[in-house]
Structure formats: structure tokens, C-alpha cells
């Protein structure tokens, strides 16, 4: 009995001293899905930018400006005397609408109503957030946003579908500095 126990113990010790072996995944995925998604997105962006460039080239009545943030815009009403633009934390009141590139209304300014927004402290789609920072109080600007600067792949889960570029006419009604807004709330 002792001999069998010793042989069993010796056998266990010999085979249990094996170093751990890495487990391999059952299936291996390459980066092809990611590469395909990147290519698909590049194609979408190129098509949208080409459509926007066509709009710009056919409209000789306006001076379009290109934003370093990846969208285009023109001034409907421009303030040449003021220099104040919204900064981080400022609260702005603005009115806007959203249309497709071919001019169909998605949301009218009556549906959206003027809203307030604390610059970079609240949710707002990236193009509009960046566009508001370019504006001065009293100005009206029309922005042409590719879908990645608007609602992107997911849309707004209501009227705006996947990968829809939009045009938005925005009027900046008021800019309140952060400290002014806090003082008003404390009084």
C-alpha cells in the first residue's frame, strides 16, 4: 500500500510541475473588420464632403468659410464691431434649425425653440458646439455639417437617420459669462 501511494505521489509530482500554457482563442479575428469600417467611413466622409463642395461651388451669392474643425459656414448676419465670442463655461442662448443638404426640413426653429447651453459643459452635437464658439452675439450663421460633425452613425434616433449631413442656421441671441450666470442664480 505504501509503495502504491509513493508511486502515485511521485507520478503526480512529475506531471504537475509542468509550466502553465497559454490558452488559445477558439476563433481568431484579424483586424479586417476594423479596416473595413475605417474604409467605409472614409468613403462616407469623402462623398458627403463632395456633396457639400458642390453646394458651395454652385452658390455664388455667399462667401463660404471652412472651419478647421471639419465643416463649412457662411454669415447671414455678421457683427463686425464686437469681438466677444463664447468661451468655456459661458452660457449662450441660441435658436437654430436643421435641414438636409437638399433643403428638406428636419427640425424647424419653431420646433426646437431657443435654448440655452453652457459652452463645453453640456451635451450638444460636436459641429454645433464648435460652431457656436465662432459666433458673436446677434449673428446668424448657416453651417454645413458632414454627418460625423452632426449626429453620425446613430442619428438622433428620431428624425435623423444614420450618416446624414445637415445644414443648420443658427442665431446667437445672448452670451452670458459664467460668473454673471452664477451671480444671477445666487440672488
Protein backbone atom coordinates (compact mmCIF):
# COMPACT_ATOMS: atom_id res chain seq x y z
CA UNK A 1 0.00 0.00 0.00
CA UNK A 2 2.83 2.38 0.89
CA UNK A 3 4.55 1.56 -2.39
CA UNK A 4 1.44 2.35 -4.43
CA UNK A 5 0.96 5.59 -2.53
CA UNK A 6 4.60 6.62 -3.12
CA UNK A 7 4.36 5.74 -6.84
CA UNK A 8 1.16 7.75 -7.15
CA UNK A 9 2.68 10.70 -5.30
CA UNK A 10 5.84 10.56 -7.45
CA UNK A 11 3.72 10.41 -10.62
CA UNK A 12 1.65 13.40 -9.56
CA UNK A 13 4.73 15.43 -8.72
CA UNK A 14 6.39 14.64 -12.06
CA UNK A 15 3.40 15.66 -14.16
CA UNK A 16 2.21 18.58 -12.05
CA UNK A 17 5.49 20.50 -12.40
CA UNK A 18 4.62 21.47 -15.95
CA UNK A 19 4.74 25.23 -16.63
CA UNK A 20 1.44 26.95 -17.40
CA UNK A 21 0.47 27.01 -21.05
CA UNK A 22 -1.33 29.94 -22.63
CA UNK A 23 -4.84 29.24 -23.80
CA UNK A 24 -5.53 29.99 -27.42
CA UNK A 25 -8.80 31.59 -28.54
CA UNK A 26 -11.27 29.29 -30.22
CA UNK A 27 -11.54 31.70 -33.16
CA UNK A 28 -9.03 34.30 -34.16
CA UNK A 29 -10.18 37.55 -35.72
CA UNK A 30 -7.95 39.69 -37.78
CA UNK A 31 -8.16 43.46 -37.94
CA UNK A 32 -10.10 43.20 -41.18
CA UNK A 33 -13.40 44.33 -39.64
CA UNK A 34 -11.80 47.47 -38.25
CA UNK A 35 -10.02 48.14 -41.54
CA UNK A 36 -13.29 47.69 -43.44
CA UNK A 37 -15.09 50.07 -41.07
CA UNK A 38 -12.35 52.69 -41.47
CA UNK A 39 -12.54 52.43 -45.26
CA UNK A 40 -16.33 52.63 -45.18
CA UNK A 41 -16.20 55.76 -43.01
CA UNK A 42 -13.58 57.39 -45.24
CA UNK A 43 -15.78 56.76 -48.25
CA UNK A 44 -18.83 58.24 -46.49
CA UNK A 45 -16.89 61.35 -45.43
CA UNK A 46 -15.50 61.84 -48.96
CA UNK A 47 -18.98 61.53 -50.51
CA UNK A 48 -20.51 63.97 -48.01
CA UNK A 49 -17.71 66.49 -48.46
CA UNK A 50 -18.08 66.23 -52.25
CA UNK A 51 -21.82 66.98 -51.93
CA UNK A 52 -21.07 69.97 -49.70
CA UNK A 53 -18.41 71.23 -52.13
CA UNK A 54 -20.95 71.01 -54.96
CA UNK A 55 -23.37 73.16 -52.93
CA UNK A 56 -20.62 75.69 -52.24
CA UNK A 57 -19.47 75.83 -55.89
CA UNK A 58 -23.00 76.34 -57.23
CA UNK A 59 -23.83 79.11 -54.73
CA UNK A 60 -22.00 82.20 -55.96
CA UNK A 61 -24.05 84.59 -53.79
CA UNK A 62 -22.38 83.68 -50.49
CA UNK A 63 -18.85 83.57 -49.14
CA UNK A 64 -18.32 80.17 -47.55
CA UNK A 65 -15.66 79.72 -44.91
CA UNK A 66 -14.01 76.45 -43.99
CA UNK A 67 -13.66 75.63 -40.32
CA UNK A 68 -10.52 73.85 -39.11
CA UNK A 69 -12.99 71.56 -37.28
CA UNK A 70 -14.26 69.97 -40.50
CA UNK A 71 -17.39 71.92 -41.50
CA UNK A 72 -18.26 74.93 -43.66
CA UNK A 73 -20.30 78.03 -42.91
CA UNK A 74 -21.40 81.45 -44.11
CA UNK A 75 -22.72 84.52 -42.34
CA UNK A 76 -26.34 85.57 -42.83
CA UNK A 77 -25.88 88.41 -40.32
CA UNK A 78 -22.37 89.38 -39.25
CA UNK A 79 -21.28 91.65 -36.40
CA UNK A 80 -18.09 93.45 -37.40
CA UNK A 81 -17.82 95.61 -34.27
CA UNK A 82 -17.89 93.07 -31.44
CA UNK A 83 -15.01 90.75 -30.68
CA UNK A 84 -16.59 88.66 -27.91
CA UNK A 85 -17.21 85.02 -28.71
CA UNK A 86 -18.35 82.38 -26.20
CA UNK A 87 -15.69 80.71 -24.09
CA UNK A 88 -15.65 77.65 -21.84
CA UNK A 89 -18.43 77.86 -19.25
CA UNK A 90 -20.25 80.84 -20.80
CA UNK A 91 -23.98 80.36 -21.14
CA UNK A 92 -25.39 81.12 -24.57
CA UNK A 93 -28.96 81.41 -25.73
CA UNK A 94 -29.45 80.47 -29.36
CA UNK A 95 -32.03 79.49 -31.92
CA UNK A 96 -31.43 77.01 -34.74
CA UNK A 97 -32.97 74.68 -37.28
CA UNK A 98 -31.83 71.55 -39.08
CA UNK A 99 -32.35 70.68 -42.75
CA UNK A 100 -30.93 68.08 -45.10
CA UNK A 101 -28.40 69.12 -47.75
CA UNK A 102 -31.19 69.25 -50.31
CA UNK A 103 -33.19 71.67 -48.15
CA UNK A 104 -35.84 69.42 -46.59
CA UNK A 105 -36.67 70.49 -43.05
CA UNK A 106 -35.78 68.04 -40.29
CA UNK A 107 -36.44 70.30 -37.29
CA UNK A 108 -37.68 73.87 -37.68
CA UNK A 109 -36.59 76.61 -35.29
CA UNK A 110 -40.20 76.74 -34.01
CA UNK A 111 -39.98 73.06 -33.02
CA UNK A 112 -36.62 73.42 -31.30
CA UNK A 113 -37.28 76.82 -29.68
CA UNK A 114 -34.46 78.96 -28.33
CA UNK A 115 -32.33 77.04 -25.92
CA UNK A 116 -29.56 77.80 -23.50
CA UNK A 117 -26.29 75.94 -23.45
CA UNK A 118 -23.24 76.15 -21.19
CA UNK A 119 -20.27 76.04 -23.56
CA UNK A 120 -18.46 72.67 -23.32
CA UNK A 121 -20.37 71.68 -20.19
CA UNK A 122 -23.48 70.13 -21.72
CA UNK A 123 -24.32 67.65 -24.47
CA UNK A 124 -24.65 69.10 -27.95
CA UNK A 125 -23.56 67.62 -31.24
CA UNK A 126 -19.93 68.45 -31.95
CA UNK A 127 -20.40 70.62 -35.04
CA UNK A 128 -22.88 72.94 -33.35
CA UNK A 129 -20.78 73.06 -30.19
CA UNK A 130 -17.75 74.17 -32.24
CA UNK A 131 -19.82 76.47 -34.45
CA UNK A 132 -21.23 78.43 -31.51
CA UNK A 133 -17.68 79.27 -30.42
CA UNK A 134 -17.14 81.07 -33.76
CA UNK A 135 -20.16 83.33 -33.36
CA UNK A 136 -20.75 86.70 -31.75
CA UNK A 137 -23.93 87.89 -30.06
CA UNK A 138 -26.62 88.81 -32.61
CA UNK A 139 -25.04 86.93 -35.51
CA UNK A 140 -26.82 84.42 -37.71
CA UNK A 141 -24.66 81.79 -39.37
CA UNK A 142 -25.53 78.86 -41.62
CA UNK A 143 -23.40 75.77 -41.06
CA UNK A 144 -22.97 72.78 -43.38
CA UNK A 145 -22.08 69.78 -41.23
CA UNK A 146 -20.93 66.41 -42.56
CA UNK A 147 -22.60 63.59 -40.64
CA UNK A 148 -19.56 62.95 -38.42
CA UNK A 149 -19.89 66.55 -37.15
CA UNK A 150 -23.65 66.20 -36.73
CA UNK A 151 -25.34 63.05 -35.47
CA UNK A 152 -23.01 60.47 -37.02
CA UNK A 153 -23.72 56.80 -37.40
CA UNK A 154 -26.51 56.66 -34.80
CA UNK A 155 -28.53 59.69 -35.88
CA UNK A 156 -30.80 61.20 -33.27
CA UNK A 157 -32.97 58.05 -33.06
CA UNK A 158 -35.95 60.12 -34.17
CA UNK A 159 -35.92 62.05 -37.45
CA UNK A 160 -32.23 61.96 -38.35
CA UNK A 161 -31.00 58.65 -39.67
CA UNK A 162 -27.57 57.15 -39.91
CA UNK A 163 -24.83 59.21 -41.62
CA UNK A 164 -26.99 62.22 -42.54
CA UNK A 165 -25.15 65.50 -43.22
CA UNK A 166 -27.16 68.56 -42.14
CA UNK A 167 -27.44 72.29 -42.68
CA UNK A 168 -28.19 74.40 -39.63
CA UNK A 169 -28.98 78.11 -39.47
CA UNK A 170 -28.07 79.36 -36.01
CA UNK A 171 -28.81 82.72 -34.38
CA UNK A 172 -26.78 83.53 -31.27
CA UNK A 173 -29.17 85.57 -29.13
CA UNK A 174 -27.15 86.15 -25.96
CA UNK A 175 -23.81 85.36 -24.31
CA UNK A 176 -23.62 85.42 -20.51
CA UNK A 177 -20.30 84.95 -18.80
CA UNK A 178 -20.11 82.12 -16.30
CA UNK A 179 -19.61 84.46 -13.33
CA UNK A 180 -22.64 86.58 -14.33
CA UNK A 181 -24.85 83.50 -14.56
CA UNK A 182 -23.69 82.24 -11.12
CA UNK A 183 -24.35 85.66 -9.54
CA UNK A 184 -27.87 85.77 -11.01
CA UNK A 185 -28.61 82.27 -9.70
CA UNK A 186 -27.33 83.18 -6.21
CA UNK A 187 -29.58 86.30 -5.97
